mmCIF file of all heavy atoms, coordinates in Angstrom:
data_MODEL
# 
_entry.id   MODEL 
# 
loop_
_atom_site.group_PDB 
_atom_site.id 
_atom_site.type_symbol 
_atom_site.label_atom_id 
_atom_site.label_alt_id 
_atom_site.label_comp_id 
_atom_site.label_asym_id 
_atom_site.label_entity_id 
_atom_site.label_seq_id 
_atom_site.pdbx_PDB_ins_code 
_atom_site.Cartn_x 
_atom_site.Cartn_y 
_atom_site.Cartn_z 
_atom_site.occupancy 
_atom_site.B_iso_or_equiv 
_atom_site.pdbx_formal_charge 
_atom_site.auth_seq_id 
_atom_site.auth_comp_id 
_atom_site.auth_asym_id 
_atom_site.auth_atom_id 
_atom_site.pdbx_PDB_model_num 
ATOM 1   N N   . LEU A 1 1  ? -157.277 -48.136 46.496 1.00 0.00 ? 1  LEU A N   1 
ATOM 2   C CA  . LEU A 1 1  ? -156.106 -48.757 45.909 1.00 0.00 ? 1  LEU A CA  1 
ATOM 3   C C   . LEU A 1 1  ? -156.192 -49.728 44.747 1.00 0.00 ? 1  LEU A C   1 
ATOM 4   O O   . LEU A 1 1  ? -155.641 -49.606 43.714 1.00 0.00 ? 1  LEU A O   1 
ATOM 5   C CB  . LEU A 1 1  ? -155.171 -49.336 47.083 1.00 0.00 ? 1  LEU A CB  1 
ATOM 6   C CG  . LEU A 1 1  ? -153.820 -49.848 46.650 1.00 0.00 ? 1  LEU A CG  1 
ATOM 7   C CD1 . LEU A 1 1  ? -152.929 -48.652 45.962 1.00 0.00 ? 1  LEU A CD1 1 
ATOM 8   C CD2 . LEU A 1 1  ? -153.159 -50.444 47.758 1.00 0.00 ? 1  LEU A CD2 1 
ATOM 9   N N   . ALA A 1 2  ? -156.973 -50.647 44.982 1.00 0.00 ? 2  ALA A N   1 
ATOM 10  C CA  . ALA A 1 2  ? -157.260 -51.841 43.953 1.00 0.00 ? 2  ALA A CA  1 
ATOM 11  C C   . ALA A 1 2  ? -157.808 -51.207 42.601 1.00 0.00 ? 2  ALA A C   1 
ATOM 12  O O   . ALA A 1 2  ? -157.320 -51.378 41.604 1.00 0.00 ? 2  ALA A O   1 
ATOM 13  C CB  . ALA A 1 2  ? -158.139 -52.897 44.543 1.00 0.00 ? 2  ALA A CB  1 
ATOM 14  N N   . GLU A 1 3  ? -158.878 -50.326 42.764 1.00 0.00 ? 3  GLU A N   1 
ATOM 15  C CA  . GLU A 1 3  ? -159.496 -49.774 41.647 1.00 0.00 ? 3  GLU A CA  1 
ATOM 16  C C   . GLU A 1 3  ? -158.478 -48.831 40.876 1.00 0.00 ? 3  GLU A C   1 
ATOM 17  O O   . GLU A 1 3  ? -158.431 -48.870 39.594 1.00 0.00 ? 3  GLU A O   1 
ATOM 18  C CB  . GLU A 1 3  ? -160.679 -48.901 41.984 1.00 0.00 ? 3  GLU A CB  1 
ATOM 19  C CG  . GLU A 1 3  ? -161.391 -48.289 40.783 1.00 0.00 ? 3  GLU A CG  1 
ATOM 20  C CD  . GLU A 1 3  ? -162.488 -47.270 41.250 1.00 0.00 ? 3  GLU A CD  1 
ATOM 21  O OE1 . GLU A 1 3  ? -162.784 -47.244 42.390 1.00 0.00 ? 3  GLU A OE1 1 
ATOM 22  O OE2 . GLU A 1 3  ? -162.981 -46.742 40.305 1.00 0.00 ? 3  GLU A OE2 1 
ATOM 23  N N   . SER A 1 4  ? -157.724 -48.109 41.617 1.00 0.00 ? 4  SER A N   1 
ATOM 24  C CA  . SER A 1 4  ? -156.743 -47.163 41.054 1.00 0.00 ? 4  SER A CA  1 
ATOM 25  C C   . SER A 1 4  ? -155.739 -47.967 40.240 1.00 0.00 ? 4  SER A C   1 
ATOM 26  O O   . SER A 1 4  ? -155.360 -47.524 39.049 1.00 0.00 ? 4  SER A O   1 
ATOM 27  C CB  . SER A 1 4  ? -156.034 -46.346 42.024 1.00 0.00 ? 4  SER A CB  1 
ATOM 28  O OG  . SER A 1 4  ? -156.996 -45.505 42.639 1.00 0.00 ? 4  SER A OG  1 
ATOM 29  N N   . LEU A 1 5  ? -155.187 -48.986 40.912 1.00 0.00 ? 5  LEU A N   1 
ATOM 30  C CA  . LEU A 1 5  ? -154.084 -49.683 40.151 1.00 0.00 ? 5  LEU A CA  1 
ATOM 31  C C   . LEU A 1 5  ? -154.655 -50.548 38.923 1.00 0.00 ? 5  LEU A C   1 
ATOM 32  O O   . LEU A 1 5  ? -154.002 -50.508 37.968 1.00 0.00 ? 5  LEU A O   1 
ATOM 33  C CB  . LEU A 1 5  ? -153.459 -50.705 41.220 1.00 0.00 ? 5  LEU A CB  1 
ATOM 34  C CG  . LEU A 1 5  ? -152.261 -51.493 40.648 1.00 0.00 ? 5  LEU A CG  1 
ATOM 35  C CD1 . LEU A 1 5  ? -151.122 -50.518 40.112 1.00 0.00 ? 5  LEU A CD1 1 
ATOM 36  C CD2 . LEU A 1 5  ? -151.694 -52.388 41.774 1.00 0.00 ? 5  LEU A CD2 1 
ATOM 37  N N   . GLN A 1 6  ? -155.887 -51.137 39.153 1.00 0.00 ? 6  GLN A N   1 
ATOM 38  C CA  . GLN A 1 6  ? -156.410 -51.842 38.051 1.00 0.00 ? 6  GLN A CA  1 
ATOM 39  C C   . GLN A 1 6  ? -156.681 -50.778 36.844 1.00 0.00 ? 6  GLN A C   1 
ATOM 40  O O   . GLN A 1 6  ? -156.420 -51.242 35.676 1.00 0.00 ? 6  GLN A O   1 
ATOM 41  C CB  . GLN A 1 6  ? -157.879 -52.318 38.403 1.00 0.00 ? 6  GLN A CB  1 
ATOM 42  C CG  . GLN A 1 6  ? -158.453 -53.173 37.351 1.00 0.00 ? 6  GLN A CG  1 
ATOM 43  C CD  . GLN A 1 6  ? -159.760 -53.807 37.865 1.00 0.00 ? 6  GLN A CD  1 
ATOM 44  O OE1 . GLN A 1 6  ? -160.336 -53.539 38.746 1.00 0.00 ? 6  GLN A OE1 1 
ATOM 45  N NE2 . GLN A 1 6  ? -160.191 -54.778 37.076 1.00 0.00 ? 6  GLN A NE2 1 
ATOM 46  N N   . LEU A 1 7  ? -157.027 -49.616 36.985 1.00 0.00 ? 7  LEU A N   1 
ATOM 47  C CA  . LEU A 1 7  ? -157.109 -48.626 35.898 1.00 0.00 ? 7  LEU A CA  1 
ATOM 48  C C   . LEU A 1 7  ? -155.814 -48.539 35.221 1.00 0.00 ? 7  LEU A C   1 
ATOM 49  O O   . LEU A 1 7  ? -155.656 -48.276 33.982 1.00 0.00 ? 7  LEU A O   1 
ATOM 50  C CB  . LEU A 1 7  ? -157.597 -47.272 36.384 1.00 0.00 ? 7  LEU A CB  1 
ATOM 51  C CG  . LEU A 1 7  ? -159.087 -47.240 36.801 1.00 0.00 ? 7  LEU A CG  1 
ATOM 52  C CD1 . LEU A 1 7  ? -159.428 -45.921 37.473 1.00 0.00 ? 7  LEU A CD1 1 
ATOM 53  C CD2 . LEU A 1 7  ? -160.100 -47.540 35.710 1.00 0.00 ? 7  LEU A CD2 1 
ATOM 54  N N   . CYS A 1 8  ? -154.697 -48.518 35.976 1.00 0.00 ? 8  CYS A N   1 
ATOM 55  C CA  . CYS A 1 8  ? -153.363 -48.398 35.401 1.00 0.00 ? 8  CYS A CA  1 
ATOM 56  C C   . CYS A 1 8  ? -152.869 -49.643 34.705 1.00 0.00 ? 8  CYS A C   1 
ATOM 57  O O   . CYS A 1 8  ? -152.051 -49.559 33.805 1.00 0.00 ? 8  CYS A O   1 
ATOM 58  C CB  . CYS A 1 8  ? -152.321 -48.009 36.503 1.00 0.00 ? 8  CYS A CB  1 
ATOM 59  S SG  . CYS A 1 8  ? -152.640 -46.346 37.315 1.00 0.00 ? 8  CYS A SG  1 
ATOM 60  N N   . LEU A 1 9  ? -153.505 -50.652 35.034 1.00 0.00 ? 9  LEU A N   1 
ATOM 61  C CA  . LEU A 1 9  ? -152.951 -51.887 34.490 1.00 0.00 ? 9  LEU A CA  1 
ATOM 62  C C   . LEU A 1 9  ? -153.813 -52.439 33.258 1.00 0.00 ? 9  LEU A C   1 
ATOM 63  O O   . LEU A 1 9  ? -153.553 -53.498 32.612 1.00 0.00 ? 9  LEU A O   1 
ATOM 64  C CB  . LEU A 1 9  ? -152.992 -53.173 35.499 1.00 0.00 ? 9  LEU A CB  1 
ATOM 65  C CG  . LEU A 1 9  ? -152.150 -52.830 36.707 1.00 0.00 ? 9  LEU A CG  1 
ATOM 66  C CD1 . LEU A 1 9  ? -152.324 -53.887 37.731 1.00 0.00 ? 9  LEU A CD1 1 
ATOM 67  C CD2 . LEU A 1 9  ? -150.722 -52.629 36.303 1.00 0.00 ? 9  LEU A CD2 1 
ATOM 68  N N   . LEU A 1 10 ? -154.857 -51.658 32.969 1.00 0.00 ? 10 LEU A N   1 
ATOM 69  C CA  . LEU A 1 10 ? -155.791 -52.099 31.696 1.00 0.00 ? 10 LEU A CA  1 
ATOM 70  C C   . LEU A 1 10 ? -154.953 -52.004 30.409 1.00 0.00 ? 10 LEU A C   1 
ATOM 71  O O   . LEU A 1 10 ? -155.350 -52.716 29.403 1.00 0.00 ? 10 LEU A O   1 
ATOM 72  C CB  . LEU A 1 10 ? -156.931 -51.158 31.812 1.00 0.00 ? 10 LEU A CB  1 
ATOM 73  C CG  . LEU A 1 10 ? -157.898 -51.511 32.892 1.00 0.00 ? 10 LEU A CG  1 
ATOM 74  C CD1 . LEU A 1 10 ? -159.078 -50.445 32.867 1.00 0.00 ? 10 LEU A CD1 1 
ATOM 75  C CD2 . LEU A 1 10 ? -158.453 -52.826 32.857 1.00 0.00 ? 10 LEU A CD2 1 
ATOM 76  N N   . ASP A 1 11 ? -153.989 -51.160 30.168 1.00 0.00 ? 11 ASP A N   1 
ATOM 77  C CA  . ASP A 1 11 ? -153.426 -50.938 28.922 1.00 0.00 ? 11 ASP A CA  1 
ATOM 78  C C   . ASP A 1 11 ? -152.035 -51.715 28.755 1.00 0.00 ? 11 ASP A C   1 
ATOM 79  O O   . ASP A 1 11 ? -151.005 -51.344 29.397 1.00 0.00 ? 11 ASP A O   1 
ATOM 80  C CB  . ASP A 1 11 ? -153.204 -49.400 28.707 1.00 0.00 ? 11 ASP A CB  1 
ATOM 81  C CG  . ASP A 1 11 ? -152.628 -49.081 27.383 1.00 0.00 ? 11 ASP A CG  1 
ATOM 82  O OD1 . ASP A 1 11 ? -152.500 -50.019 26.536 1.00 0.00 ? 11 ASP A OD1 1 
ATOM 83  O OD2 . ASP A 1 11 ? -152.274 -47.921 27.094 1.00 0.00 ? 11 ASP A OD2 1 
ATOM 84  N N   . PRO A 1 12 ? -152.195 -52.826 28.058 1.00 0.00 ? 12 PRO A N   1 
ATOM 85  C CA  . PRO A 1 12 ? -150.914 -53.746 27.915 1.00 0.00 ? 12 PRO A CA  1 
ATOM 86  C C   . PRO A 1 12 ? -149.689 -52.942 27.334 1.00 0.00 ? 12 PRO A C   1 
ATOM 87  O O   . PRO A 1 12 ? -148.494 -53.166 27.736 1.00 0.00 ? 12 PRO A O   1 
ATOM 88  C CB  . PRO A 1 12 ? -151.264 -54.788 27.020 1.00 0.00 ? 12 PRO A CB  1 
ATOM 89  C CG  . PRO A 1 12 ? -152.797 -54.784 26.973 1.00 0.00 ? 12 PRO A CG  1 
ATOM 90  C CD  . PRO A 1 12 ? -153.276 -53.365 27.331 1.00 0.00 ? 12 PRO A CD  1 
ATOM 91  N N   . GLU A 1 13 ? -150.043 -52.043 26.438 1.00 0.00 ? 13 GLU A N   1 
ATOM 92  C CA  . GLU A 1 13 ? -148.966 -51.170 25.756 1.00 0.00 ? 13 GLU A CA  1 
ATOM 93  C C   . GLU A 1 13 ? -148.235 -50.354 26.730 1.00 0.00 ? 13 GLU A C   1 
ATOM 94  O O   . GLU A 1 13 ? -147.044 -50.224 26.698 1.00 0.00 ? 13 GLU A O   1 
ATOM 95  C CB  . GLU A 1 13 ? -149.592 -50.397 24.585 1.00 0.00 ? 13 GLU A CB  1 
ATOM 96  C CG  . GLU A 1 13 ? -148.546 -49.681 23.746 1.00 0.00 ? 13 GLU A CG  1 
ATOM 97  C CD  . GLU A 1 13 ? -149.219 -48.967 22.575 1.00 0.00 ? 13 GLU A CD  1 
ATOM 98  O OE1 . GLU A 1 13 ? -149.950 -49.631 21.880 1.00 0.00 ? 13 GLU A OE1 1 
ATOM 99  O OE2 . GLU A 1 13 ? -148.899 -47.746 22.443 1.00 0.00 ? 13 GLU A OE2 1 
ATOM 100 N N   . SER A 1 14 ? -149.100 -49.767 27.473 1.00 0.00 ? 14 SER A N   1 
ATOM 101 C CA  . SER A 1 14 ? -148.413 -48.859 28.483 1.00 0.00 ? 14 SER A CA  1 
ATOM 102 C C   . SER A 1 14 ? -147.557 -49.656 29.529 1.00 0.00 ? 14 SER A C   1 
ATOM 103 O O   . SER A 1 14 ? -146.540 -49.221 30.050 1.00 0.00 ? 14 SER A O   1 
ATOM 104 C CB  . SER A 1 14 ? -149.543 -48.140 29.304 1.00 0.00 ? 14 SER A CB  1 
ATOM 105 O OG  . SER A 1 14 ? -149.016 -47.281 30.319 1.00 0.00 ? 14 SER A OG  1 
ATOM 106 N N   . LEU A 1 15 ? -148.132 -50.851 29.919 1.00 0.00 ? 15 LEU A N   1 
ATOM 107 C CA  . LEU A 1 15 ? -147.304 -51.612 30.778 1.00 0.00 ? 15 LEU A CA  1 
ATOM 108 C C   . LEU A 1 15 ? -145.875 -52.117 30.230 1.00 0.00 ? 15 LEU A C   1 
ATOM 109 O O   . LEU A 1 15 ? -145.028 -52.066 30.966 1.00 0.00 ? 15 LEU A O   1 
ATOM 110 C CB  . LEU A 1 15 ? -148.185 -52.962 31.120 1.00 0.00 ? 15 LEU A CB  1 
ATOM 111 C CG  . LEU A 1 15 ? -149.397 -52.826 32.072 1.00 0.00 ? 15 LEU A CG  1 
ATOM 112 C CD1 . LEU A 1 15 ? -150.069 -54.159 32.188 1.00 0.00 ? 15 LEU A CD1 1 
ATOM 113 C CD2 . LEU A 1 15 ? -148.873 -52.348 33.494 1.00 0.00 ? 15 LEU A CD2 1 
ATOM 114 N N   . ARG A 1 16 ? -145.932 -52.300 28.951 1.00 0.00 ? 16 ARG A N   1 
ATOM 115 C CA  . ARG A 1 16 ? -144.675 -52.781 28.362 1.00 0.00 ? 16 ARG A CA  1 
ATOM 116 C C   . ARG A 1 16 ? -143.866 -51.588 28.279 1.00 0.00 ? 16 ARG A C   1 
ATOM 117 O O   . ARG A 1 16 ? -142.620 -51.670 28.133 1.00 0.00 ? 16 ARG A O   1 
ATOM 118 C CB  . ARG A 1 16 ? -145.048 -53.503 27.050 1.00 0.00 ? 16 ARG A CB  1 
ATOM 119 C CG  . ARG A 1 16 ? -145.441 -54.792 27.174 1.00 0.00 ? 16 ARG A CG  1 
ATOM 120 C CD  . ARG A 1 16 ? -145.524 -55.589 25.761 1.00 0.00 ? 16 ARG A CD  1 
ATOM 121 N NE  . ARG A 1 16 ? -146.391 -54.939 24.836 1.00 0.00 ? 16 ARG A NE  1 
ATOM 122 C CZ  . ARG A 1 16 ? -147.690 -55.120 24.649 1.00 0.00 ? 16 ARG A CZ  1 
ATOM 123 N NH1 . ARG A 1 16 ? -148.355 -55.938 25.542 1.00 0.00 ? 16 ARG A NH1 1 
ATOM 124 N NH2 . ARG A 1 16 ? -148.429 -54.591 23.835 1.00 0.00 ? 16 ARG A NH2 1 
ATOM 125 N N   . GLU A 1 17 ? -144.331 -50.419 28.106 1.00 0.00 ? 17 GLU A N   1 
ATOM 126 C CA  . GLU A 1 17 ? -143.600 -49.155 28.032 1.00 0.00 ? 17 GLU A CA  1 
ATOM 127 C C   . GLU A 1 17 ? -142.931 -48.939 29.480 1.00 0.00 ? 17 GLU A C   1 
ATOM 128 O O   . GLU A 1 17 ? -141.809 -48.386 29.365 1.00 0.00 ? 17 GLU A O   1 
ATOM 129 C CB  . GLU A 1 17 ? -144.536 -47.952 27.732 1.00 0.00 ? 17 GLU A CB  1 
ATOM 130 C CG  . GLU A 1 17 ? -143.875 -46.612 27.721 1.00 0.00 ? 17 GLU A CG  1 
ATOM 131 C CD  . GLU A 1 17 ? -144.916 -45.576 27.488 1.00 0.00 ? 17 GLU A CD  1 
ATOM 132 O OE1 . GLU A 1 17 ? -145.864 -45.721 26.899 1.00 0.00 ? 17 GLU A OE1 1 
ATOM 133 O OE2 . GLU A 1 17 ? -144.580 -44.499 28.036 1.00 0.00 ? 17 GLU A OE2 1 
ATOM 134 N N   . TRP A 1 18 ? -143.448 -49.208 30.503 1.00 0.00 ? 18 TRP A N   1 
ATOM 135 C CA  . TRP A 1 18 ? -143.013 -48.904 31.906 1.00 0.00 ? 18 TRP A CA  1 
ATOM 136 C C   . TRP A 1 18 ? -142.215 -50.153 32.444 1.00 0.00 ? 18 TRP A C   1 
ATOM 137 O O   . TRP A 1 18 ? -141.412 -49.858 33.354 1.00 0.00 ? 18 TRP A O   1 
ATOM 138 C CB  . TRP A 1 18 ? -144.084 -48.529 32.702 1.00 0.00 ? 18 TRP A CB  1 
ATOM 139 C CG  . TRP A 1 18 ? -144.515 -47.019 32.447 1.00 0.00 ? 18 TRP A CG  1 
ATOM 140 C CD1 . TRP A 1 18 ? -145.484 -46.630 31.617 1.00 0.00 ? 18 TRP A CD1 1 
ATOM 141 C CD2 . TRP A 1 18 ? -143.923 -45.886 33.215 1.00 0.00 ? 18 TRP A CD2 1 
ATOM 142 N NE1 . TRP A 1 18 ? -145.632 -45.297 31.707 1.00 0.00 ? 18 TRP A NE1 1 
ATOM 143 C CE2 . TRP A 1 18 ? -144.607 -44.805 32.529 1.00 0.00 ? 18 TRP A CE2 1 
ATOM 144 C CE3 . TRP A 1 18 ? -142.883 -45.729 34.030 1.00 0.00 ? 18 TRP A CE3 1 
ATOM 145 C CZ2 . TRP A 1 18 ? -144.283 -43.454 32.905 1.00 0.00 ? 18 TRP A CZ2 1 
ATOM 146 C CZ3 . TRP A 1 18 ? -142.618 -44.396 34.384 1.00 0.00 ? 18 TRP A CZ3 1 
ATOM 147 C CH2 . TRP A 1 18 ? -143.306 -43.275 33.913 1.00 0.00 ? 18 TRP A CH2 1 
ATOM 148 N N   . TYR A 1 19 ? -142.579 -51.324 32.135 1.00 0.00 ? 19 TYR A N   1 
ATOM 149 C CA  . TYR A 1 19 ? -142.088 -52.535 32.916 1.00 0.00 ? 19 TYR A CA  1 
ATOM 150 C C   . TYR A 1 19 ? -141.401 -53.431 31.857 1.00 0.00 ? 19 TYR A C   1 
ATOM 151 O O   . TYR A 1 19 ? -141.862 -53.642 30.737 1.00 0.00 ? 19 TYR A O   1 
ATOM 152 C CB  . TYR A 1 19 ? -143.135 -53.232 33.638 1.00 0.00 ? 19 TYR A CB  1 
ATOM 153 C CG  . TYR A 1 19 ? -143.669 -52.478 34.852 1.00 0.00 ? 19 TYR A CG  1 
ATOM 154 C CD1 . TYR A 1 19 ? -144.730 -51.562 34.777 1.00 0.00 ? 19 TYR A CD1 1 
ATOM 155 C CD2 . TYR A 1 19 ? -142.992 -52.645 36.004 1.00 0.00 ? 19 TYR A CD2 1 
ATOM 156 C CE1 . TYR A 1 19 ? -145.217 -50.944 35.885 1.00 0.00 ? 19 TYR A CE1 1 
ATOM 157 C CE2 . TYR A 1 19 ? -143.347 -51.960 37.225 1.00 0.00 ? 19 TYR A CE2 1 
ATOM 158 C CZ  . TYR A 1 19 ? -144.404 -51.021 37.091 1.00 0.00 ? 19 TYR A CZ  1 
ATOM 159 O OH  . TYR A 1 19 ? -144.858 -50.415 38.233 1.00 0.00 ? 19 TYR A OH  1 
ATOM 160 N N   . TYR A 1 20 ? -140.321 -54.104 32.431 1.00 0.00 ? 20 TYR A N   1 
ATOM 161 C CA  . TYR A 1 20 ? -139.677 -55.250 31.716 1.00 0.00 ? 20 TYR A CA  1 
ATOM 162 C C   . TYR A 1 20 ? -140.437 -56.508 31.822 1.00 0.00 ? 20 TYR A C   1 
ATOM 163 O O   . TYR A 1 20 ? -141.466 -56.625 32.657 1.00 0.00 ? 20 TYR A O   1 
ATOM 164 C CB  . TYR A 1 20 ? -138.124 -55.346 32.286 1.00 0.00 ? 20 TYR A CB  1 
ATOM 165 C CG  . TYR A 1 20 ? -137.247 -54.399 31.832 1.00 0.00 ? 20 TYR A CG  1 
ATOM 166 C CD1 . TYR A 1 20 ? -136.773 -53.441 32.726 1.00 0.00 ? 20 TYR A CD1 1 
ATOM 167 C CD2 . TYR A 1 20 ? -136.926 -54.081 30.489 1.00 0.00 ? 20 TYR A CD2 1 
ATOM 168 C CE1 . TYR A 1 20 ? -135.927 -52.427 32.521 1.00 0.00 ? 20 TYR A CE1 1 
ATOM 169 C CE2 . TYR A 1 20 ? -136.005 -53.028 30.189 1.00 0.00 ? 20 TYR A CE2 1 
ATOM 170 C CZ  . TYR A 1 20 ? -135.513 -52.283 31.107 1.00 0.00 ? 20 TYR A CZ  1 
ATOM 171 O OH  . TYR A 1 20 ? -134.649 -51.186 30.890 1.00 0.00 ? 20 TYR A OH  1 
ATOM 172 N N   . ALA A 1 21 ? -140.056 -57.477 31.154 1.00 0.00 ? 21 ALA A N   1 
ATOM 173 C CA  . ALA A 1 21 ? -140.895 -58.811 31.029 1.00 0.00 ? 21 ALA A CA  1 
ATOM 174 C C   . ALA A 1 21 ? -141.093 -59.492 32.294 1.00 0.00 ? 21 ALA A C   1 
ATOM 175 O O   . ALA A 1 21 ? -142.069 -60.144 32.517 1.00 0.00 ? 21 ALA A O   1 
ATOM 176 C CB  . ALA A 1 21 ? -140.181 -59.685 30.000 1.00 0.00 ? 21 ALA A CB  1 
ATOM 177 N N   . ARG A 1 22 ? -140.149 -59.256 33.281 1.00 0.00 ? 22 ARG A N   1 
ATOM 178 C CA  . ARG A 1 22 ? -140.359 -60.133 34.548 1.00 0.00 ? 22 ARG A CA  1 
ATOM 179 C C   . ARG A 1 22 ? -141.350 -59.534 35.384 1.00 0.00 ? 22 ARG A C   1 
ATOM 180 O O   . ARG A 1 22 ? -141.599 -60.169 36.564 1.00 0.00 ? 22 ARG A O   1 
ATOM 181 C CB  . ARG A 1 22 ? -139.033 -60.151 35.235 1.00 0.00 ? 22 ARG A CB  1 
ATOM 182 C CG  . ARG A 1 22 ? -137.916 -60.986 34.642 1.00 0.00 ? 22 ARG A CG  1 
ATOM 183 C CD  . ARG A 1 22 ? -136.776 -61.216 35.316 1.00 0.00 ? 22 ARG A CD  1 
ATOM 184 N NE  . ARG A 1 22 ? -136.186 -59.875 35.964 1.00 0.00 ? 22 ARG A NE  1 
ATOM 185 C CZ  . ARG A 1 22 ? -135.567 -59.781 37.091 1.00 0.00 ? 22 ARG A CZ  1 
ATOM 186 N NH1 . ARG A 1 22 ? -135.358 -60.831 37.811 1.00 0.00 ? 22 ARG A NH1 1 
ATOM 187 N NH2 . ARG A 1 22 ? -135.239 -58.582 37.551 1.00 0.00 ? 22 ARG A NH2 1 
ATOM 188 N N   . SER A 1 23 ? -141.895 -58.368 35.213 1.00 0.00 ? 23 SER A N   1 
ATOM 189 C CA  . SER A 1 23 ? -142.794 -57.814 36.052 1.00 0.00 ? 23 SER A CA  1 
ATOM 190 C C   . SER A 1 23 ? -144.060 -58.607 36.205 1.00 0.00 ? 23 SER A C   1 
ATOM 191 O O   . SER A 1 23 ? -144.640 -58.975 35.239 1.00 0.00 ? 23 SER A O   1 
ATOM 192 C CB  . SER A 1 23 ? -143.264 -56.296 35.602 1.00 0.00 ? 23 SER A CB  1 
ATOM 193 O OG  . SER A 1 23 ? -144.387 -55.852 36.263 1.00 0.00 ? 23 SER A OG  1 
ATOM 194 N N   . PRO A 1 24 ? -144.612 -58.738 37.407 1.00 0.00 ? 24 PRO A N   1 
ATOM 195 C CA  . PRO A 1 24 ? -145.867 -59.662 37.591 1.00 0.00 ? 24 PRO A CA  1 
ATOM 196 C C   . PRO A 1 24 ? -147.116 -58.842 36.996 1.00 0.00 ? 24 PRO A C   1 
ATOM 197 O O   . PRO A 1 24 ? -148.039 -59.587 36.688 1.00 0.00 ? 24 PRO A O   1 
ATOM 198 C CB  . PRO A 1 24 ? -145.987 -59.713 39.101 1.00 0.00 ? 24 PRO A CB  1 
ATOM 199 C CG  . PRO A 1 24 ? -145.143 -58.805 39.716 1.00 0.00 ? 24 PRO A CG  1 
ATOM 200 C CD  . PRO A 1 24 ? -143.975 -58.443 38.732 1.00 0.00 ? 24 PRO A CD  1 
ATOM 201 N N   . PHE A 1 25 ? -146.876 -57.610 36.717 1.00 0.00 ? 25 PHE A N   1 
ATOM 202 C CA  . PHE A 1 25 ? -148.077 -56.976 36.164 1.00 0.00 ? 25 PHE A CA  1 
ATOM 203 C C   . PHE A 1 25 ? -148.256 -57.322 34.625 1.00 0.00 ? 25 PHE A C   1 
ATOM 204 O O   . PHE A 1 25 ? -149.414 -57.080 34.046 1.00 0.00 ? 25 PHE A O   1 
ATOM 205 C CB  . PHE A 1 25 ? -147.850 -55.401 36.148 1.00 0.00 ? 25 PHE A CB  1 
ATOM 206 C CG  . PHE A 1 25 ? -147.880 -54.882 37.530 1.00 0.00 ? 25 PHE A CG  1 
ATOM 207 C CD1 . PHE A 1 25 ? -146.943 -53.931 37.856 1.00 0.00 ? 25 PHE A CD1 1 
ATOM 208 C CD2 . PHE A 1 25 ? -148.702 -55.311 38.480 1.00 0.00 ? 25 PHE A CD2 1 
ATOM 209 C CE1 . PHE A 1 25 ? -146.916 -53.364 39.218 1.00 0.00 ? 25 PHE A CE1 1 
ATOM 210 C CE2 . PHE A 1 25 ? -148.688 -54.757 39.756 1.00 0.00 ? 25 PHE A CE2 1 
ATOM 211 C CZ  . PHE A 1 25 ? -147.773 -53.805 40.207 1.00 0.00 ? 25 PHE A CZ  1 
# 
Protein backbone atom coordinates (compact mmCIF):
# COMPACT_ATOMS: atom_id res chain seq x y z
CA LEU A 1 0.00 0.00 0.00
CA ALA A 2 2.59 2.59 1.02
CA GLU A 3 4.87 1.91 -1.93
CA SER A 4 2.00 1.96 -4.42
CA LEU A 5 0.59 5.20 -3.09
CA GLN A 6 4.03 6.78 -2.92
CA LEU A 7 4.53 6.04 -6.63
CA CYS A 8 1.27 7.85 -7.38
CA LEU A 9 2.23 10.86 -5.26
CA LEU A 10 5.63 11.49 -6.88
CA ASP A 11 4.31 13.67 -9.70
CA PRO A 12 3.14 17.10 -8.42
CA GLU A 13 1.56 17.97 -11.78
CA SER A 14 -0.58 14.83 -11.71
CA LEU A 15 -1.59 15.54 -8.10
CA ARG A 16 -2.79 19.02 -9.07
CA GLU A 17 -4.64 17.51 -12.02
CA TRP A 18 -6.60 15.16 -9.73
CA TYR A 19 -6.85 17.07 -6.42
CA TYR A 20 -7.86 20.53 -5.27
CA ALA A 21 -5.61 22.59 -2.98
CA ARG A 22 -7.02 21.31 0.33
CA SER A 23 -5.91 17.73 -0.33
CA PRO A 24 -3.29 16.58 2.19
CA PHE A 25 -1.46 14.93 -0.71
